[in-house]
Protein backbone atom coordinates (compact mmCIF):
# COMPACT_ATOMS: atom_id res chain seq x y z
CA LYS A 1 0.00 0.00 0.00
CA GLY A 2 2.99 2.32 0.34
CA GLU A 3 2.06 3.37 3.89
CA VAL A 4 5.46 2.41 5.38
CA SER A 5 8.60 4.40 4.54
CA ILE A 6 11.21 2.51 6.58
CA VAL A 7 11.38 -1.21 7.38
CA ILE A 8 13.77 -2.43 10.12
CA GLY A 9 14.19 -6.14 10.58
CA ALA A 10 16.28 -9.30 10.62
CA ARG A 11 17.32 -11.19 7.48
CA SER A 12 13.75 -11.91 6.30
CA ALA A 13 13.14 -8.13 6.05
CA ILE A 14 14.88 -8.30 2.67
CA PHE A 15 11.59 -9.69 1.31
CA ALA A 16 9.54 -6.68 2.51
CA PRO A 17 7.22 -5.64 -0.40
CA LEU A 18 8.30 -1.99 -0.64
CA GLN A 19 7.23 -0.37 -3.90
CA ARG A 20 9.59 2.63 -4.00
CA LEU A 21 12.78 1.12 -2.60
CA GLY A 22 15.57 3.72 -2.55
CA ILE A 23 18.22 2.35 -0.17
CA ILE A 24 19.03 -0.95 1.56
CA ILE A 25 21.35 -0.87 4.59
CA VAL A 26 22.90 -4.14 5.75
CA ASP A 27 24.54 -3.50 9.13
CA GLU A 28 27.37 -5.83 10.25
CA GLU A 29 27.27 -7.34 6.77
CA HIS A 30 29.93 -9.92 7.71
CA ASP A 31 27.68 -11.64 10.27
CA PRO A 32 27.08 -15.32 9.37
CA SER A 33 23.53 -15.15 10.80
CA TYR A 34 22.45 -13.42 7.57
CA LYS A 35 22.56 -16.91 6.04
CA GLN A 36 19.43 -19.00 6.61
CA GLU A 37 20.57 -22.60 6.93
CA GLU A 38 17.21 -24.36 7.34
CA LYS A 39 14.68 -25.21 4.61
CA LEU A 40 14.80 -22.37 2.04
CA LYS A 41 18.47 -21.37 2.07
CA TYR A 42 19.40 -17.78 1.30
CA HIS A 43 21.94 -15.15 2.31
CA ALA A 44 20.21 -11.84 3.08
CA ARG A 45 23.29 -9.77 2.19
CA ASP A 46 23.63 -11.43 -1.21
CA LEU A 47 19.89 -11.05 -1.82
CA ALA A 48 20.24 -7.36 -0.91
CA VAL A 49 22.86 -7.01 -3.68
CA VAL A 50 20.48 -8.63 -6.18
CA ARG A 51 17.41 -6.67 -5.08
CA ALA A 52 19.22 -3.32 -5.09
CA LYS A 53 20.45 -4.03 -8.62
CA GLN A 54 16.98 -5.02 -9.83
CA VAL A 55 15.27 -1.82 -8.62
CA GLU A 56 18.32 0.45 -9.03
CA ALA A 57 18.43 1.24 -5.30
CA THR A 58 21.51 2.21 -3.29
CA LEU A 59 22.99 -0.59 -1.19
CA LEU A 60 25.09 0.22 1.90
CA LEU A 61 27.03 -2.64 3.51
CA GLY A 62 28.42 -1.62 6.89
CA SER A 63 31.06 -3.37 9.00
CA ALA A 64 34.26 -2.69 10.96
CA THR A 65 35.39 -6.15 9.83
CA PRO A 66 34.00 -6.73 6.32
CA SER A 67 33.74 -10.25 4.97
CA LEU A 68 36.62 -11.10 2.67
CA GLU A 69 34.16 -11.53 -0.21
CA SER A 70 32.74 -8.00 0.19
CA TYR A 71 36.13 -6.34 0.62
CA TYR A 72 37.48 -8.23 -2.39
CA ASN A 73 34.52 -6.99 -4.44
CA ALA A 74 35.34 -3.44 -3.36
CA GLU A 75 39.00 -3.93 -4.29
CA LYS A 76 37.96 -5.14 -7.75
CA GLY A 77 35.69 -2.12 -8.27
CA ARG A 78 32.39 -4.01 -8.06
CA PHE A 79 31.55 -2.10 -4.88
CA ARG A 80 32.61 1.41 -3.92
CA LEU A 81 34.77 1.45 -0.75
CA LEU A 82 34.07 4.13 1.87
CA HIS A 83 36.28 4.46 4.96
CA LEU A 84 35.44 5.73 8.46
CA PRO A 85 39.00 5.85 9.85
CA GLU A 86 38.07 7.35 13.24
CA ARG A 87 35.70 6.50 16.05
CA ILE A 88 32.75 8.81 16.68
CA GLU A 89 33.80 12.06 18.41
CA GLY A 90 37.43 11.16 17.67
CA LYS A 91 37.70 8.71 20.59
CA HIS A 92 40.80 6.52 20.66
CA LEU A 93 40.64 2.78 20.03
CA PRO A 94 41.45 0.72 23.13
CA ARG A 95 44.91 -0.62 23.85
CA VAL A 96 44.98 -4.38 23.28
CA ASP A 97 47.47 -6.64 25.08
CA VAL A 98 47.90 -10.26 23.94
CA LEU A 99 49.00 -12.64 26.71
CA ASP A 100 50.57 -16.05 26.09
CA ILE A 101 48.95 -18.25 28.76
CA LYS A 102 51.04 -21.40 28.24
CA LYS A 103 52.81 -20.79 31.55
CA GLU A 104 49.82 -19.35 33.42
CA SER A 105 47.80 -21.40 35.89
CA GLY A 106 44.06 -20.99 36.38
CA LEU A 107 41.52 -19.16 34.24
CA PHE A 108 42.94 -15.67 34.71
CA SER A 109 46.42 -14.31 34.18
CA GLU A 110 47.79 -12.07 36.96
CA LYS A 111 47.56 -9.12 34.57
CA MET A 112 43.84 -9.72 33.99
CA LYS A 113 43.16 -10.05 37.73
CA THR A 114 44.97 -6.75 38.37
CA ALA A 115 43.01 -4.97 35.61
CA LEU A 116 39.68 -6.24 36.97
CA GLN A 117 40.57 -5.21 40.55
CA LYS A 118 41.58 -1.74 39.36
CA ASN A 119 38.30 -1.32 37.46
CA ILE A 120 36.24 -2.36 40.50
CA GLU A 121 38.10 0.13 42.73
CA GLU A 122 37.56 2.92 40.20
CA LYS A 123 33.82 2.09 39.92
CA LYS A 124 34.16 1.24 36.24
CA GLN A 125 32.63 -1.69 34.37
CA SER A 126 34.20 -4.76 32.78
CA LEU A 127 33.17 -7.34 30.18
CA LEU A 128 34.55 -10.89 30.21
CA PHE A 129 34.10 -12.86 27.00
CA LEU A 130 34.19 -16.64 26.54
CA ASN A 131 32.36 -18.15 23.59
CA ARG A 132 31.41 -21.37 25.34
CA ARG A 133 28.53 -21.72 27.76
CA GLY A 134 28.07 -24.21 30.58
CA PHE A 135 30.35 -25.00 33.53
CA ALA A 136 32.67 -27.63 32.02
CA SER A 137 33.11 -28.72 28.40
CA PHE A 138 32.83 -32.37 29.40
CA ILE A 139 33.16 -34.78 32.34
CA LEU A 140 35.98 -37.36 32.28
CA CYS A 141 36.58 -40.48 34.34
CA PRO A 142 40.37 -40.57 34.97
CA ASP A 143 40.22 -44.26 35.89
CA CYS A 144 38.90 -45.61 32.58
CA GLY A 145 38.82 -42.56 30.25
CA PHE A 146 35.02 -42.58 29.87
CA THR A 147 33.30 -39.36 28.73
CA PHE A 148 29.58 -38.68 28.53
CA LYS A 149 28.52 -38.38 24.88
CA CYS A 150 25.22 -37.32 23.35
CA PRO A 151 23.38 -40.37 21.92
CA ASN A 152 22.04 -38.18 19.07
CA CYS A 153 25.14 -36.15 18.17
CA SER A 154 28.88 -36.85 17.88
CA VAL A 155 29.75 -34.43 20.71
CA THR A 156 30.41 -34.72 24.44
CA LEU A 157 27.77 -33.46 26.85
CA THR A 158 28.45 -30.12 28.56
CA TYR A 159 28.16 -29.99 32.35
CA HIS A 160 25.86 -27.28 33.81
CA LEU A 161 26.30 -26.61 37.51
CA ARG A 162 23.02 -24.79 38.20
CA ASP A 163 20.83 -27.87 37.73
CA ARG A 164 23.71 -30.41 37.82
CA SER A 165 22.85 -31.64 34.35
CA LEU A 166 24.74 -32.83 31.28
CA GLN A 167 23.42 -31.17 28.12
CA CYS A 168 23.92 -31.32 24.36
CA HIS A 169 24.03 -27.84 22.85
CA TYR A 170 23.00 -29.17 19.42
CA CYS A 171 19.85 -31.21 20.10
CA ASP A 172 19.02 -30.18 23.72
CA TYR A 173 19.33 -33.76 25.02
CA ARG A 174 19.97 -33.69 28.78
CA ILE A 175 20.44 -36.03 31.72
CA GLN A 176 21.23 -35.56 35.40
CA ALA A 177 24.97 -35.72 36.04
CA PRO A 178 25.75 -38.97 37.93
CA ALA A 179 28.12 -39.10 40.88
CA ASP A 180 29.98 -42.18 39.63
CA CYS A 181 31.29 -43.42 36.29
CA PRO A 182 28.65 -45.63 34.62
CA GLN A 183 31.40 -47.70 32.95
CA CYS A 184 33.78 -48.56 35.82
CA GLN A 185 31.84 -47.18 38.82
CA GLY A 186 34.82 -44.93 39.65
CA HIS A 187 34.25 -42.06 42.09
CA GLN A 188 36.76 -39.54 40.68
CA LEU A 189 34.81 -37.89 37.82
CA ARG A 190 36.55 -34.70 36.69
CA ARG A 191 35.08 -31.59 35.10
CA MET A 192 37.25 -30.66 32.11
CA GLY A 193 37.36 -27.39 30.17
CA ILE A 194 35.55 -24.17 30.98
CA GLY A 195 32.33 -22.37 30.11
CA THR A 196 30.68 -19.10 31.08
CA GLU A 197 28.96 -20.66 34.11
CA ARG A 198 32.30 -21.66 35.65
CA LEU A 199 33.78 -18.31 34.65
CA GLU A 200 31.00 -16.51 36.55
CA GLU A 201 31.59 -18.65 39.65
CA GLU A 202 35.35 -18.06 39.64
CA ILE A 203 34.88 -14.29 39.26
CA ARG A 204 32.46 -14.25 42.22
CA THR A 205 35.05 -16.13 44.30
CA LEU A 206 37.89 -13.80 43.26
CA PHE A 207 35.91 -10.58 43.77
CA PRO A 208 33.23 -11.31 46.40
CA GLY A 209 32.27 -7.64 46.73
CA ALA A 210 31.61 -7.10 43.01
CA HIS A 211 28.21 -7.40 41.36
CA VAL A 212 28.68 -10.10 38.70
CA GLU A 213 26.12 -11.34 36.18
CA ARG A 214 26.17 -13.70 33.20
CA MET A 215 24.56 -13.31 29.79
CA ASP A 216 24.32 -16.35 27.56
CA ARG A 217 21.63 -18.60 26.15
CA ASP A 218 21.09 -20.22 29.57
CA THR A 219 20.33 -16.93 31.36
CA THR A 220 18.21 -15.37 28.61
CA THR A 221 15.57 -18.06 28.05
CA ARG A 222 12.78 -16.14 29.81
CA LYS A 223 10.91 -13.34 28.08
CA GLN A 224 12.64 -9.96 28.44
CA SER A 225 15.55 -11.48 30.44
CA HIS A 226 18.03 -10.34 27.77
CA HIS A 227 16.64 -6.79 28.00
CA HIS A 228 16.68 -6.76 31.83
CA ILE A 229 20.36 -7.79 32.03
CA LEU A 230 21.38 -5.09 29.56
CA LYS A 231 19.31 -2.47 31.41
CA ARG A 232 20.97 -3.36 34.74
CA PHE A 233 24.39 -3.18 33.08
CA GLU A 234 23.59 0.16 31.41
CA SER A 235 22.39 1.65 34.71
CA GLY A 236 25.63 0.65 36.46
CA HIS A 237 24.18 -2.07 38.73
CA ILE A 238 26.57 -4.69 37.31
CA ASP A 239 30.36 -4.37 37.76
CA ILE A 240 31.41 -7.37 35.67
CA LEU A 241 29.31 -8.93 32.90
CA VAL A 242 30.37 -12.41 31.80
CA GLY A 243 29.04 -13.80 28.53
CA THR A 244 29.25 -15.38 25.12
CA GLN A 245 29.24 -13.49 21.81
CA MET A 246 25.81 -12.00 22.55
CA ILE A 247 27.53 -9.45 24.87
CA VAL A 248 29.90 -8.16 22.20
CA LYS A 249 27.69 -7.39 19.21
CA GLY A 250 26.68 -3.78 18.70
CA HIS A 251 26.28 -2.73 22.33
CA ASP A 252 27.34 0.76 23.40
CA PHE A 253 28.25 0.92 27.10
CA PRO A 254 30.19 4.14 27.86
CA LYS A 255 31.20 2.95 31.35
CA VAL A 256 32.97 -0.18 30.07
CA THR A 257 36.71 0.47 30.17
CA PHE A 258 38.03 -3.09 30.39
CA VAL A 259 37.32 -6.15 28.23
CA GLY A 260 38.90 -9.52 28.91
CA VAL A 261 38.98 -12.38 26.38
CA ILE A 262 39.43 -15.58 28.38
CA SER A 263 40.45 -17.73 25.41
CA ALA A 264 40.95 -16.45 21.88
CA ASP A 265 41.55 -20.00 20.67
CA THR A 266 37.98 -21.39 20.82
CA SER A 267 37.13 -20.20 17.29
CA LEU A 268 40.65 -20.46 15.85
CA HIS A 269 40.86 -24.24 15.64
CA PHE A 270 37.51 -25.03 14.04
CA PRO A 271 37.92 -27.26 10.96
CA ASP A 272 36.67 -24.52 8.63
CA PHE A 273 38.66 -22.39 6.18
CA ARG A 274 36.99 -19.27 7.62
CA SER A 275 38.18 -19.88 11.22
CA SER A 276 40.91 -17.20 11.08
CA GLU A 277 38.46 -14.68 9.63
CA ARG A 278 35.87 -15.49 12.32
CA THR A 279 38.52 -15.12 15.05
CA PHE A 280 39.70 -11.74 13.76
CA GLN A 281 36.13 -10.46 13.46
CA LEU A 282 35.14 -11.66 16.92
CA LEU A 283 38.21 -10.23 18.65
CA THR A 284 37.80 -6.89 16.86
CA GLN A 285 34.12 -6.74 17.83
CA VAL A 286 34.98 -7.61 21.45
CA ALA A 287 37.72 -4.99 21.65
CA GLY A 288 35.32 -2.40 20.24
CA ARG A 289 33.19 -2.56 23.43
CA ALA A 290 35.95 -0.91 25.53
CA GLY A 291 36.57 2.83 25.88
CA ARG A 292 33.42 4.13 24.18
CA GLY A 293 32.90 6.80 26.86
CA GLU A 294 35.18 9.47 28.32
CA SER A 295 37.72 7.03 29.84
CA PRO A 296 40.20 5.14 27.62
CA GLY A 297 39.69 1.42 27.10
CA GLU A 298 41.91 -1.57 27.77
CA VAL A 299 41.61 -5.10 26.35
CA ILE A 300 43.48 -8.24 27.42
CA VAL A 301 43.38 -11.27 25.10
CA GLN A 302 44.51 -14.60 26.59
CA THR A 303 45.67 -17.17 24.06
CA TYR A 304 47.90 -20.18 23.45
CA ASN A 305 48.66 -18.82 19.95
CA PRO A 306 49.89 -15.25 20.54
CA ASP A 307 51.75 -15.05 17.21
CA HIS A 308 48.83 -16.08 14.98
CA TYR A 309 48.21 -13.35 12.41
CA SER A 310 44.47 -13.08 13.12
CA ILE A 311 45.21 -12.34 16.79
CA GLN A 312 48.12 -9.99 16.08
CA ARG A 313 46.18 -7.99 13.48
CA ALA A 314 43.20 -7.74 15.87
CA LYS A 315 45.59 -6.41 18.52
CA GLU A 316 46.72 -3.69 16.10
CA HIS A 317 43.15 -2.91 14.87
CA ASP A 318 44.59 -3.63 11.43
CA PHE A 319 41.93 -4.99 9.08
CA SER A 320 44.01 -4.24 5.96
CA GLY A 321 46.96 -6.22 7.34
CA PHE A 322 44.72 -9.17 8.19
CA TYR A 323 43.04 -9.02 4.79
CA ARG A 324 46.39 -9.11 2.94
CA GLU A 325 47.52 -12.26 4.79
CA GLU A 326 44.18 -14.06 4.67
CA ILE A 327 43.48 -13.27 1.00
CA GLN A 328 46.83 -14.81 0.02
CA PHE A 329 45.90 -18.00 1.89
CA ARG A 330 42.54 -18.11 0.08
CA LYS A 331 44.21 -17.47 -3.28
CA ASP A 332 46.78 -20.24 -2.77
CA LEU A 333 44.05 -22.79 -1.98
CA GLU A 334 41.49 -21.32 -4.41
CA TYR A 335 38.86 -20.79 -1.73
CA PRO A 336 36.26 -17.99 -1.83
CA PRO A 337 36.41 -15.26 -3.05
CA PHE A 338 38.55 -16.93 -5.75
CA SER A 339 36.00 -19.68 -6.25
CA ARG A 340 32.43 -20.65 -5.39
CA LEU A 341 31.52 -23.62 -3.21
CA ILE A 342 28.57 -25.98 -3.09
CA ASN A 343 28.25 -28.39 -0.17
CA PHE A 344 26.38 -31.64 -0.83
CA ARG A 345 25.42 -33.09 2.56
CA LEU A 346 23.79 -36.48 3.05
CA SER A 347 22.06 -37.22 6.35
CA GLY A 348 20.36 -40.42 7.39
CA ASN A 349 19.25 -42.62 10.27
CA SER A 350 21.54 -45.49 9.34
CA GLU A 351 25.30 -44.91 9.53
CA LYS A 352 25.99 -47.74 7.08
CA ARG A 353 23.42 -46.65 4.47
CA THR A 354 24.48 -42.98 4.73
CA LYS A 355 28.14 -43.87 4.23
CA SER A 356 27.23 -46.13 1.29
CA ALA A 357 25.17 -43.32 -0.33
CA ALA A 358 28.09 -40.92 0.18
CA GLU A 359 30.48 -43.31 -1.56
CA GLU A 360 28.02 -43.59 -4.44
CA MET A 361 27.74 -39.78 -4.54
CA GLY A 362 31.52 -39.60 -4.85
CA LYS A 363 31.46 -42.01 -7.80
CA ILE A 364 28.66 -40.07 -9.51
CA GLY A 365 30.57 -36.81 -8.95
CA GLN A 366 33.76 -38.25 -10.47
CA ALA A 367 31.80 -39.65 -13.43
CA LEU A 368 30.33 -36.19 -14.09
CA LEU A 369 33.82 -34.67 -13.99
CA LYS A 370 34.91 -37.11 -16.71
CA LYS A 371 31.92 -36.10 -18.84
CA GLY A 372 33.06 -32.48 -19.11
CA TYR A 373 32.70 -30.85 -15.71
CA GLY A 374 36.32 -31.67 -14.79
CA LYS A 375 37.70 -28.61 -16.59
CA GLY A 376 36.04 -26.16 -14.21
CA ILE A 377 35.16 -28.07 -11.04
CA GLU A 378 37.15 -29.75 -8.28
CA ILE A 379 35.56 -32.20 -5.82
CA LEU A 380 36.66 -32.50 -2.19
CA GLY A 381 35.43 -35.63 -0.43
CA PRO A 382 33.07 -37.25 0.24
CA SER A 383 33.94 -37.57 3.93
CA ALA A 384 32.17 -37.66 7.26
CA ALA A 385 31.13 -34.14 8.30
CA PRO A 386 33.21 -32.63 11.16
CA PHE A 387 30.10 -33.11 13.32
CA ALA A 388 29.44 -36.60 12.02
CA LYS A 389 26.13 -37.03 13.85
CA VAL A 390 23.62 -34.31 14.80
CA ARG A 391 20.09 -34.79 16.17
CA GLY A 392 20.20 -38.52 15.48
CA LYS A 393 21.25 -38.14 11.83
CA PHE A 394 24.57 -39.40 10.46
CA ARG A 395 26.15 -36.85 8.12
CA TRP A 396 28.50 -37.15 5.14
CA GLN A 397 29.40 -34.35 2.78
CA MET A 398 31.14 -33.52 -0.47
CA LEU A 399 32.31 -30.07 -1.60
CA ALA A 400 32.34 -28.91 -5.21
CA LYS A 401 34.62 -25.97 -5.93
CA GLY A 402 34.71 -23.91 -9.14
CA LYS A 403 34.89 -20.40 -10.58
CA SER A 404 31.79 -20.47 -12.79
CA SER A 405 28.47 -20.19 -10.92
CA ARG A 406 26.53 -21.42 -13.95
CA PHE A 407 28.80 -24.44 -14.35
CA LEU A 408 28.53 -25.31 -10.65
CA HIS A 409 24.74 -24.96 -10.63
CA GLN A 410 24.37 -27.26 -13.65
CA PHE A 411 26.69 -29.79 -11.99
CA ALA A 412 24.54 -29.63 -8.83
CA LEU A 413 21.35 -30.22 -10.82
CA ASP A 414 22.84 -33.21 -12.64
CA LEU A 415 24.24 -34.74 -9.45
CA ALA A 416 20.96 -34.22 -7.55
CA ALA A 417 19.00 -35.93 -10.36
CA ARG A 418 21.31 -38.96 -10.33
CA MET A 419 21.32 -39.17 -6.52
CA GLU A 420 17.53 -39.29 -6.30
CA GLU A 421 17.38 -43.06 -6.80
CA GLN A 422 20.20 -43.55 -4.26
CA THR A 423 18.31 -41.74 -1.50
CA LYS A 424 14.66 -42.50 -2.31
CA GLY A 425 12.99 -44.71 0.29
CA ARG A 426 16.27 -45.30 2.19
CA GLY A 427 15.80 -42.75 4.98
CA ILE A 428 18.52 -40.53 3.51
CA SER A 429 18.19 -36.90 2.41
CA LEU A 430 20.50 -34.82 0.23
CA ASP A 431 20.90 -31.20 1.25
CA ILE A 432 22.53 -28.83 -1.26
CA ASP A 433 24.01 -25.63 0.16
CA VAL A 434 25.30 -23.05 -2.33
CA ASP A 435 27.96 -20.70 -0.90
CA PRO A 436 27.95 -22.32 2.57
CA VAL A 437 29.01 -20.06 5.46
CA SER A 438 29.89 -23.10 7.56
CA ILE A 439 31.05 -26.57 6.54
CA LEU A 440 30.84 -28.15 9.99
């Protein structure tokens, strides 16, 4: 009807039926949540590019850490690059210190403890970031080596102290944590690894006089709980806020002068070619929460890999330096933006049948390469997915890599048609993901 002039929304807002579209703004355009992974797959940023072109509207992609694909497009002249070299009101970027914690004991380095104590004494606020919730990553029996695994997913169960439960963060399976090992009846079960719940408890023990709260998926399940925590933090009722990545995205807290990253390595070692990019983006976003008010900011990053280029460039607030190193790696291996990817993922109830279908998919793929696709397409796999079982489904995948979108799409259509008889009536489904943002 033309009654609305401005539409603000999440990724689905790109479909809003505006008749006189003049500008599309995609904020934090690098964020992987713009990709819808379930059912109808689409990337809202890429759709924004298409829609703006169709109606001749202006498209503005905004980010302090642009995706490599977008920055590469700007370098090649497909997009126009605009720089904002300074913070608003000319405020300085925070000083970032990277600490090698190989020789440190406990969760916190002495330097981080000192910085937190100083902030508490000066009535300033701190953020502590750890991108893993729960109390312990898993529980281990030291007598026989048993760990509690999810029966539906190929992951260990995370221990949560509040209700003494073991939970799967992929399918929500949960059980009460037993006192003894179910395999050898040993009594020495150990909690291994750390999560935000344990981090919160340790901070409360270290600084008993400080007001500490936690913000993660476990503390924000109730309606408005997310809003209430942020309101209390904004009003100064919280001295230290502990949380996962939901505390670092887009918030503006002028009283926050210290940000601590407990472990910069959690995202660095994912089996995904974008892991360095994700790490740089996350650390830069985290650091950006400090020193947004009158007082200067300080950031301490704890890591076992202090010399990794993604961590060093984040320390220096140097996107250009990171881009130069990462783009060379992508070019050498012919990964995006130098190619396009399609992920063919098989999932099924039977491990044997799913593996057999994957092997057949590999043969069909190789046969198609011999029939003419081989000149422009390379196949990687098939192999078991990094998370080989999720929500009761066994998963195998095969990647097709090439420079021609049209060629890749035709290959995908031909492969899907030939795979139909391999999957029909066998409890196996083939999922085709064009330009996947994650291959886990």
